[in-house]
C-alpha atoms as a PDB file:
ATOM      1  CA  MET A   1      25.634 110.508 153.856  1.00  0.00           C
ATOM      2  CA  HIS A   2      27.313 107.532 151.809  1.00  0.00           C
ATOM      3  CA  LYS A   3      30.960 107.622 151.343  1.00  0.00           C
ATOM      4  CA  PRO A   4      32.009 108.158 147.938  1.00  0.00           C
ATOM      5  CA  ARG A   5      35.006 105.344 146.803  1.00  0.00           C
ATOM      6  CA  PRO A   6      38.360 106.038 146.984  1.00  0.00           C
ATOM      7  CA  ALA A   7      40.185 107.459 143.728  1.00  0.00           C
ATOM      8  CA  LEU A   8      41.769 104.225 142.834  1.00  0.00           C
ATOM      9  CA  PHE A   9      38.609 101.722 142.634  1.00  0.00           C
ATOM     10  CA  ARG A  10      36.627 104.249 140.775  1.00  0.00           C
ATOM     11  CA  GLY A  11      35.172 102.595 137.616  1.00  0.00           C
ATOM     12  CA  ARG A  12      35.490  98.882 139.220  1.00  0.00           C
ATOM     13  CA  HIS A  13      33.000  96.610 139.075  1.00  0.00           C
ATOM     14  CA  PHE A  14      33.381  94.919 142.089  1.00  0.00           C
ATOM     15  CA  GLN A  15      33.284  96.142 145.850  1.00  0.00           C
ATOM     16  CA  GLU A  16      37.139  98.186 147.117  1.00  0.00           C
ATOM     17  CA  HIS A  17      36.928  95.414 149.861  1.00  0.00           C
ATOM     18  CA  VAL A  18      36.765  92.441 147.474  1.00  0.00           C
ATOM     19  CA  ILE A  19      39.842  93.738 145.386  1.00  0.00           C
ATOM     20  CA  VAL A  20      42.048  94.384 148.576  1.00  0.00           C
ATOM     21  CA  LEU A  21      40.417  91.083 150.221  1.00  0.00           C
ATOM     22  CA  CYS A  22      41.981  89.280 146.760  1.00  0.00           C
ATOM     23  CA  VAL A  23      44.806  91.221 146.228  1.00  0.00           C
ATOM     24  CA  ARG A  24      46.513  91.066 149.867  1.00  0.00           C
ATOM     25  CA  TRP A  25      45.324  86.863 149.993  1.00  0.00           C
ATOM     26  CA  TYR A  26      47.646  86.570 146.901  1.00  0.00           C
ATOM     27  CA  LEU A  27      50.440  88.073 147.963  1.00  0.00           C
ATOM     28  CA  ARG A  28      50.410  87.093 151.509  1.00  0.00           C
ATOM     29  CA  TYR A  29      49.458  82.891 151.045  1.00  0.00           C
ATOM     30  CA  CYS A  30      50.565  80.830 148.554  1.00  0.00           C
ATOM     31  CA  LEU A  31      47.601  80.497 146.382  1.00  0.00           C
ATOM     32  CA  THR A  32      46.879  80.479 142.927  1.00  0.00           C
ATOM     33  CA  LEU A  33      44.292  83.018 140.993  1.00  0.00           C
ATOM     34  CA  ARG A  34      41.999  79.736 140.501  1.00  0.00           C
ATOM     35  CA  ASP A  35      42.425  79.040 144.180  1.00  0.00           C
ATOM     36  CA  LEU A  36      40.920  82.841 144.806  1.00  0.00           C
ATOM     37  CA  GLU A  37      38.143  82.340 142.209  1.00  0.00           C
ATOM     38  CA  GLU A  38      36.744  79.444 144.022  1.00  0.00           C
ATOM     39  CA  LEU A  39      37.344  81.033 147.697  1.00  0.00           C
ATOM     40  CA  MET A  40      35.220  83.990 145.797  1.00  0.00           C
ATOM     41  CA  MET A  41      32.503  81.691 144.594  1.00  0.00           C
ATOM     42  CA  GLU A  42      32.435  79.902 148.127  1.00  0.00           C
ATOM     43  CA  ARG A  43      31.339  83.476 148.932  1.00  0.00           C
ATOM     44  CA  GLY A  44      28.757  84.118 146.653  1.00  0.00           C
ATOM     45  CA  LEU A  45      30.704  86.333 144.094  1.00  0.00           C
ATOM     46  CA  THR A  46      31.782  84.959 140.521  1.00  0.00           C
ATOM     47  CA  VAL A  47      35.242  86.776 140.157  1.00  0.00           C
ATOM     48  CA  ASP A  48      37.626  85.828 136.824  1.00  0.00           C
ATOM     49  CA  HIS A  49      40.604  84.150 137.998  1.00  0.00           C
ATOM     50  CA  SER A  50      42.173  86.813 135.511  1.00  0.00           C
ATOM     51  CA  THR A  51      40.401  89.538 136.689  1.00  0.00           C
ATOM     52  CA  ILE A  52      41.833  89.045 139.649  1.00  0.00           C
ATOM     53  CA  GLY A  53      45.272  88.352 138.368  1.00  0.00           C
ATOM     54  CA  ARG A  54      44.699  92.485 136.762  1.00  0.00           C
ATOM     55  CA  TRP A  55      44.080  93.801 140.249  1.00  0.00           C
ATOM     56  CA  VAL A  56      47.110  91.951 141.829  1.00  0.00           C
ATOM     57  CA  LEU A  57      49.163  93.973 138.640  1.00  0.00           C
ATOM     58  CA  ARG A  58      47.117  97.281 139.208  1.00  0.00           C
ATOM     59  CA  TYR A  59      47.423  97.210 143.157  1.00  0.00           C
ATOM     60  CA  SER A  60      50.465  95.505 143.933  1.00  0.00           C
ATOM     61  CA  PRO A  61      52.904  98.977 143.493  1.00  0.00           C
ATOM     62  CA  GLU A  62      50.375 100.999 145.252  1.00  0.00           C
ATOM     63  CA  LEU A  63      50.550  98.421 148.290  1.00  0.00           C
ATOM     64  CA  GLN A  64      54.426  98.941 148.068  1.00  0.00           C
ATOM     65  CA  LYS A  65      54.485 102.795 147.306  1.00  0.00           C
ATOM     66  CA  ARG A  66      52.171 103.277 150.707  1.00  0.00           C
ATOM     67  CA  VAL A  67      54.044 100.508 153.031  1.00  0.00           C
ATOM     68  CA  ARG A  68      57.529 102.650 151.971  1.00  0.00           C
ATOM     69  CA  ARG A  69      56.259 105.551 153.685  1.00  0.00           C
ATOM     70  CA  GLN A  70      55.239 103.678 156.927  1.00  0.00           C
ATOM     71  CA  ILE A  71      58.213 100.959 157.764  1.00  0.00           C
ATOM     72  CA  ARG A  72      61.433 101.848 160.442  1.00  0.00           C
ATOM     73  CA  PRO A  73      65.060 102.139 158.701  1.00  0.00           C
ATOM     74  CA  PRO A  74      67.234  99.334 158.418  1.00  0.00           C
ATOM     75  CA  ASN A  75      70.635  98.915 160.807  1.00  0.00           C
ATOM     76  CA  GLY A  76      74.201  99.516 159.691  1.00  0.00           C
ATOM     77  CA  SER A  77      74.847  95.688 158.740  1.00  0.00           C
ATOM     78  CA  TRP A  78      73.349  94.381 155.385  1.00  0.00           C
ATOM     79  CA  ARG A  79      72.987  91.578 153.974  1.00  0.00           C
ATOM     80  CA  VAL A  80      73.310  91.560 149.925  1.00  0.00           C
ATOM     81  CA  ASP A  81      72.335  88.193 147.763  1.00  0.00           C
ATOM     82  CA  GLU A  82      70.523  87.180 144.862  1.00  0.00           C
ATOM     83  CA  THR A  83      68.558  84.243 143.922  1.00  0.00           C
ATOM     84  CA  PHE A  84      66.829  83.094 140.069  1.00  0.00           C
ATOM     85  CA  VAL A  85      63.223  83.534 139.218  1.00  0.00           C
ATOM     86  CA  ARG A  86      61.572  82.592 135.919  1.00  0.00           C
ATOM     87  CA  VAL A  87      60.918  85.708 134.021  1.00  0.00           C
ATOM     88  CA  ALA A  88      59.292  85.345 130.033  1.00  0.00           C
ATOM     89  CA  GLY A  89      60.886  81.494 129.913  1.00  0.00           C
ATOM     90  CA  LYS A  90      64.146  82.964 130.883  1.00  0.00           C
ATOM     91  CA  TRP A  91      65.923  82.584 134.137  1.00  0.00           C
ATOM     92  CA  THR A  92      66.661  86.258 135.780  1.00  0.00           C
ATOM     93  CA  TYR A  93      68.739  87.441 138.749  1.00  0.00           C
ATOM     94  CA  LEU A  94      66.261  89.200 141.484  1.00  0.00           C
ATOM     95  CA  TYR A  95      68.791  90.923 143.507  1.00  0.00           C
ATOM     96  CA  ARG A  96      67.779  91.709 147.399  1.00  0.00           C
ATOM     97  CA  ALA A  97      69.344  92.969 150.824  1.00  0.00           C
ATOM     98  CA  VAL A  98      68.274  93.094 153.934  1.00  0.00           C
ATOM     99  CA  ASP A  99      69.831  93.924 157.401  1.00  0.00           C
ATOM    100  CA  SER A 100      71.162  92.380 159.988  1.00  0.00           C
ATOM    101  CA  THR A 101      67.576  91.277 161.731  1.00  0.00           C
ATOM    102  CA  GLY A 102      65.994  90.549 158.040  1.00  0.00           C
ATOM    103  CA  ASP A 103      64.379  93.539 157.672  1.00  0.00           C
ATOM    104  CA  THR A 104      63.939  94.453 153.871  1.00  0.00           C
ATOM    105  CA  ILE A 105      65.670  97.023 152.221  1.00  0.00           C
ATOM    106  CA  ASP A 106      65.548  96.616 149.065  1.00  0.00           C
ATOM    107  CA  PHE A 107      65.521  94.933 145.670  1.00  0.00           C
ATOM    108  CA  MET A 108      65.668  94.443 141.925  1.00  0.00           C
ATOM    109  CA  LEU A 109      64.991  92.216 139.084  1.00  0.00           C
ATOM    110  CA  SER A 110      68.013  91.767 136.760  1.00  0.00           C
ATOM    111  CA  PRO A 111      68.584  90.435 133.639  1.00  0.00           C
ATOM    112  CA  LYS A 112      72.684  89.997 134.596  1.00  0.00           C
ATOM    113  CA  ARG A 113      75.032  89.420 137.338  1.00  0.00           C
ATOM    114  CA  ASP A 114      77.904  91.541 136.954  1.00  0.00           C
ATOM    115  CA  ALA A 115      79.313  94.508 138.022  1.00  0.00           C
ATOM    116  CA  VAL A 116      77.356  97.121 136.631  1.00  0.00           C
ATOM    117  CA  ALA A 117      74.322  95.322 138.154  1.00  0.00           C
ATOM    118  CA  ALA A 118      75.667  95.090 141.435  1.00  0.00           C
ATOM    119  CA  LYS A 119      76.564  98.753 141.425  1.00  0.00           C
ATOM    120  CA  HIS A 120      73.318  99.663 140.281  1.00  0.00           C
ATOM    121  CA  PHE A 121      71.500  97.470 143.063  1.00  0.00           C
ATOM    122  CA  LEU A 122      73.713  99.263 145.885  1.00  0.00           C
ATOM    123  CA  GLN A 123      72.824 102.668 144.519  1.00  0.00           C
ATOM    124  CA  MET A 124      69.340 102.039 144.785  1.00  0.00           C
ATOM    125  CA  ALA A 125      69.843 100.683 148.451  1.00  0.00           C
ATOM    126  CA  LEU A 126      71.441 103.829 149.318  1.00  0.00           C
ATOM    127  CA  TRP A 127      69.109 105.763 147.816  1.00  0.00           C
ATOM    128  CA  ARG A 128      66.107 103.945 149.555  1.00  0.00           C
ATOM    129  CA  SER A 129      67.691 103.555 153.606  1.00  0.00           C
ATOM    130  CA  GLY A 130      67.916 107.390 153.237  1.00  0.00           C
ATOM    131  CA  GLU A 131      70.393 108.736 155.389  1.00  0.00           C
ATOM    132  CA  VAL A 132      71.287 105.325 156.491  1.00  0.00           C
ATOM    133  CA  ARG A 133      74.344 104.155 155.678  1.00  0.00           C
ATOM    134  CA  PRO A 134      76.132 100.849 156.149  1.00  0.00           C
ATOM    135  CA  ARG A 135      78.801 100.410 158.115  1.00  0.00           C
ATOM    136  CA  VAL A 136      79.149  96.520 156.376  1.00  0.00           C
ATOM    137  CA  ILE A 137      78.001  94.743 153.527  1.00  0.00           C
ATOM    138  CA  ASN A 138      78.042  90.897 153.674  1.00  0.00           C
ATOM    139  CA  VAL A 139      78.247  89.097 150.290  1.00  0.00           C
ATOM    140  CA  ASP A 140      78.256  85.758 148.969  1.00  0.00           C
ATOM    141  CA  GLY A 141      81.885  85.894 147.894  1.00  0.00           C
ATOM    142  CA  HIS A 142      81.000  86.866 144.185  1.00  0.00           C
ATOM    143  CA  ALA A 143      83.243  89.099 142.063  1.00  0.00           C
ATOM    144  CA  SER A 144      81.311  91.578 141.498  1.00  0.00           C
ATOM    145  CA  TYR A 145      80.631  93.170 144.828  1.00  0.00           C
ATOM    146  CA  PRO A 146      84.109  94.239 146.167  1.00  0.00           C
ATOM    147  CA  GLY A 147      84.881  95.849 142.944  1.00  0.00           C
ATOM    148  CA  ALA A 148      81.566  97.801 142.823  1.00  0.00           C
ATOM    149  CA  ILE A 149      81.571  98.773 147.122  1.00  0.00           C
ATOM    150  CA  ALA A 150      84.854 100.316 145.760  1.00  0.00           C
ATOM    151  CA  GLU A 151      83.453 102.582 143.546  1.00  0.00           C
ATOM    152  CA  LEU A 152      81.225 103.395 145.961  1.00  0.00           C
ATOM    153  CA  LYS A 153      83.184 104.580 147.773  1.00  0.00           C
ATOM    154  CA  ALA A 154      85.273 106.925 145.511  1.00  0.00           C
ATOM    155  CA  SER A 155      82.164 108.536 144.683  1.00  0.00           C
ATOM    156  CA  GLY A 156      81.130 109.305 147.979  1.00  0.00           C
ATOM    157  CA  GLU A 157      78.213 106.909 147.890  1.00  0.00           C
ATOM    158  CA  LEU A 158      79.558 104.894 150.923  1.00  0.00           C
ATOM    159  CA  GLY A 159      81.087 105.543 153.843  1.00  0.00           C
ATOM    160  CA  ARG A 160      85.085 105.425 153.820  1.00  0.00           C
ATOM    161  CA  ARG A 161      84.693 102.784 156.495  1.00  0.00           C
ATOM    162  CA  CYS A 162      82.371 100.395 155.244  1.00  0.00           C
ATOM    163  CA  ARG A 163      83.765  97.030 154.833  1.00  0.00           C
ATOM    164  CA  CYS A 164      82.723  94.640 152.205  1.00  0.00           C
ATOM    165  CA  ARG A 165      82.652  91.043 153.863  1.00  0.00           C
ATOM    166  CA  PRO A 166      82.707  87.568 151.840  1.00  0.00           C
ATOM    167  CA  CYS A 167      80.910  85.355 154.172  1.00  0.00           C
ATOM    168  CA  PRO A 168      78.592  83.461 153.062  1.00  0.00           C
ATOM    169  CA  TYR A 169      77.020  81.645 156.431  1.00  0.00           C
ATOM    170  CA  LEU A 170      76.184  84.924 157.484  1.00  0.00           C
ATOM    171  CA  ASN A 171      73.492  85.742 154.645  1.00  0.00           C
ATOM    172  CA  ASN A 172      71.922  82.688 156.077  1.00  0.00           C
ATOM    173  CA  VAL A 173      69.088  85.292 157.444  1.00  0.00           C
ATOM    174  CA  LEU A 174      68.702  86.377 153.381  1.00  0.00           C
ATOM    175  CA  GLU A 175      68.390  82.983 152.134  1.00  0.00           C
ATOM    176  CA  GLN A 176      65.642  82.021 154.696  1.00  0.00           C
ATOM    177  CA  ASP A 177      64.069  85.422 153.251  1.00  0.00           C
ATOM    178  CA  HIS A 178      64.417  84.893 149.888  1.00  0.00           C
ATOM    179  CA  ARG A 179      61.813  81.910 150.425  1.00  0.00           C
ATOM    180  CA  PHE A 180      58.675  83.624 151.189  1.00  0.00           C
ATOM    181  CA  VAL A 181      59.059  85.616 147.731  1.00  0.00           C
ATOM    182  CA  LYS A 182      60.070  82.752 145.767  1.00  0.00           C
ATOM    183  CA  LYS A 183      57.080  80.168 147.270  1.00  0.00           C
ATOM    184  CA  ARG A 184      54.656  82.563 145.597  1.00  0.00           C
ATOM    185  CA  ILE A 185      56.226  83.112 143.007  1.00  0.00           C
ATOM    186  CA  ALA A 186      56.575  79.552 142.684  1.00  0.00           C
ATOM    187  CA  ALA A 187      52.659  79.187 143.456  1.00  0.00           C
ATOM    188  CA  GLY A 188      51.433  81.845 140.792  1.00  0.00           C
ATOM    189  CA  LEU A 189      53.211  79.471 137.869  1.00  0.00           C
ATOM    190  CA  TRP A 190      56.182  82.212 137.199  1.00  0.00           C
ATOM    191  CA  PHE A 191      56.041  85.219 135.030  1.00  0.00           C
ATOM    192  CA  ARG A 192      55.004  85.925 131.275  1.00  0.00           C
ATOM    193  CA  SER A 193      56.299  89.455 131.055  1.00  0.00           C
ATOM    194  CA  VAL A 194      59.065  92.020 133.011  1.00  0.00           C
ATOM    195  CA  ASP A 195      56.488  94.016 134.039  1.00  0.00           C
ATOM    196  CA  GLY A 196      54.345  91.478 135.536  1.00  0.00           C
ATOM    197  CA  ALA A 197      56.980  90.378 137.196  1.00  0.00           C
ATOM    198  CA  LEU A 198      58.340  93.723 138.761  1.00  0.00           C
ATOM    199  CA  ARG A 199      54.664  94.713 139.875  1.00  0.00           C
ATOM    200  CA  ALA A 200      53.992  91.193 141.676  1.00  0.00           C
ATOM    201  CA  ILE A 201      57.437  90.921 143.252  1.00  0.00           C
ATOM    202  CA  GLU A 202      56.444  94.878 144.295  1.00  0.00           C
ATOM    203  CA  GLY A 203      53.191  93.276 146.022  1.00  0.00           C
ATOM    204  CA  TYR A 204      55.404  90.441 148.103  1.00  0.00           C
ATOM    205  CA  GLU A 205      58.567  92.263 149.185  1.00  0.00           C
ATOM    206  CA  ALA A 206      55.588  94.742 150.638  1.00  0.00           C
ATOM    207  CA  MET A 207      53.615  92.228 152.182  1.00  0.00           C
ATOM    208  CA  ASN A 208      56.825  90.626 153.232  1.00  0.00           C
ATOM    209  CA  MET A 209      57.789  93.821 154.853  1.00  0.00           C
ATOM    210  CA  ILE A 210      54.311  93.881 156.616  1.00  0.00           C
ATOM    211  CA  ARG A 211      54.552  90.362 157.656  1.00  0.00           C
ATOM    212  CA  LYS A 212      57.878  90.925 159.180  1.00  0.00           C
ATOM    213  CA  GLY A 213      56.868  93.733 161.260  1.00  0.00           C
ATOM    214  CA  GLN A 214      58.608  96.310 159.103  1.00  0.00           C
ATOM    215  CA  VAL A 215      55.848  98.825 159.831  1.00  0.00           C
ATOM    216  CA  SER A 216      57.238 101.042 162.831  1.00  0.00           C
ATOM    217  CA  TRP A 217      53.618 100.973 165.194  1.00  0.00           C
ATOM    218  CA  LEU A 218      52.461  97.517 163.801  1.00  0.00           C
ATOM    219  CA  ALA A 219      53.600  94.108 165.653  1.00  0.00           C
ATOM    220  CA  LYS A 220      55.167  91.026 164.214  1.00  0.00           C
ATOM    221  CA  GLY A 221      52.111  88.956 165.141  1.00  0.00           C
ATOM    222  CA  ASP A 222      49.284  91.364 165.078  1.00  0.00           C
ATOM    223  CA  ILE A 223      47.806  89.634 161.744  1.00  0.00           C
ATOM    224  CA  LEU A 224      44.298  91.618 162.422  1.00  0.00           C
ATOM    225  CA  GLY A 225      46.371  94.892 162.716  1.00  0.00           C
ATOM    226  CA  GLN A 226      48.348  93.824 159.371  1.00  0.00           C
ATOM    227  CA  VAL A 227      44.837  93.404 157.923  1.00  0.00           C
ATOM    228  CA  ARG A 228      43.727  96.630 158.886  1.00  0.00           C
ATOM    229  CA  PHE A 229      47.079  98.280 157.975  1.00  0.00           C
ATOM    230  CA  VAL A 230      46.519  96.947 154.321  1.00  0.00           C
ATOM    231  CA  GLU A 231      42.794  98.361 154.242  1.00  0.00           C
ATOM    232  CA  GLN A 232      43.848 101.566 155.550  1.00  0.00           C
ATOM    233  CA  ALA A 233      46.806 102.023 152.982  1.00  0.00           C
ATOM    234  CA  PHE A 234      44.004 101.765 150.697  1.00  0.00           C
ATOM    235  CA  GLY A 235      42.085 104.454 152.123  1.00  0.00           C
ATOM    236  CA  ILE A 236      38.827 101.736 153.027  1.00  0.00           C
ATOM    237  CA  ALA A 237      38.952 100.807 156.574  1.00  0.00           C
ATOM    238  CA  ALA A 238      35.905 101.339 158.305  1.00  0.00           C
END
């Protein structure tokens, strides 16, 4: 009996295995869309690079959503920092947070680097972490964080004993983690729109979490297991 296509892929010209393969390779490796067009040509498939780009934007948020359901919670020692990405010709701030082991907590794209953005990002990270509350938040010394953390303590969103620790060298684990995302952004030749940036970064971050072994039952170095996990997340595994 013929197995029906997953709802996510109905109406697509190409098979879901081809779509997921292209999306996974683009998010995982430093490949351009034209690189993937050539790789598909080697397999006897003619897929335009712009079509692959549309797949990436369509399925990256879905991957992020499905991966989030499976990851383990972070620990109570957080590292928070920002890095630059270029969006529509302008430099934009990518806020990111990881725990002391390097597990991704959350990320946010912001046009500004100020107290409002810092507070909003910390609120997002707290919501994302569920019941876990940090005992310490390590920051790079930017003046916006102490005030934002103080406000979150006053509102009860952060515990009273949570420490704000300005100590740049302890953020090395986060600086290293930035590289995975930024290398892929550079390979993709940056972004033409905010919406495109958000969607692609969701995919980069999701693949980074899988790569780092944040899926609770999947080992960090289990490459084949990670491939099967992505396929299962999209409902296409055999």
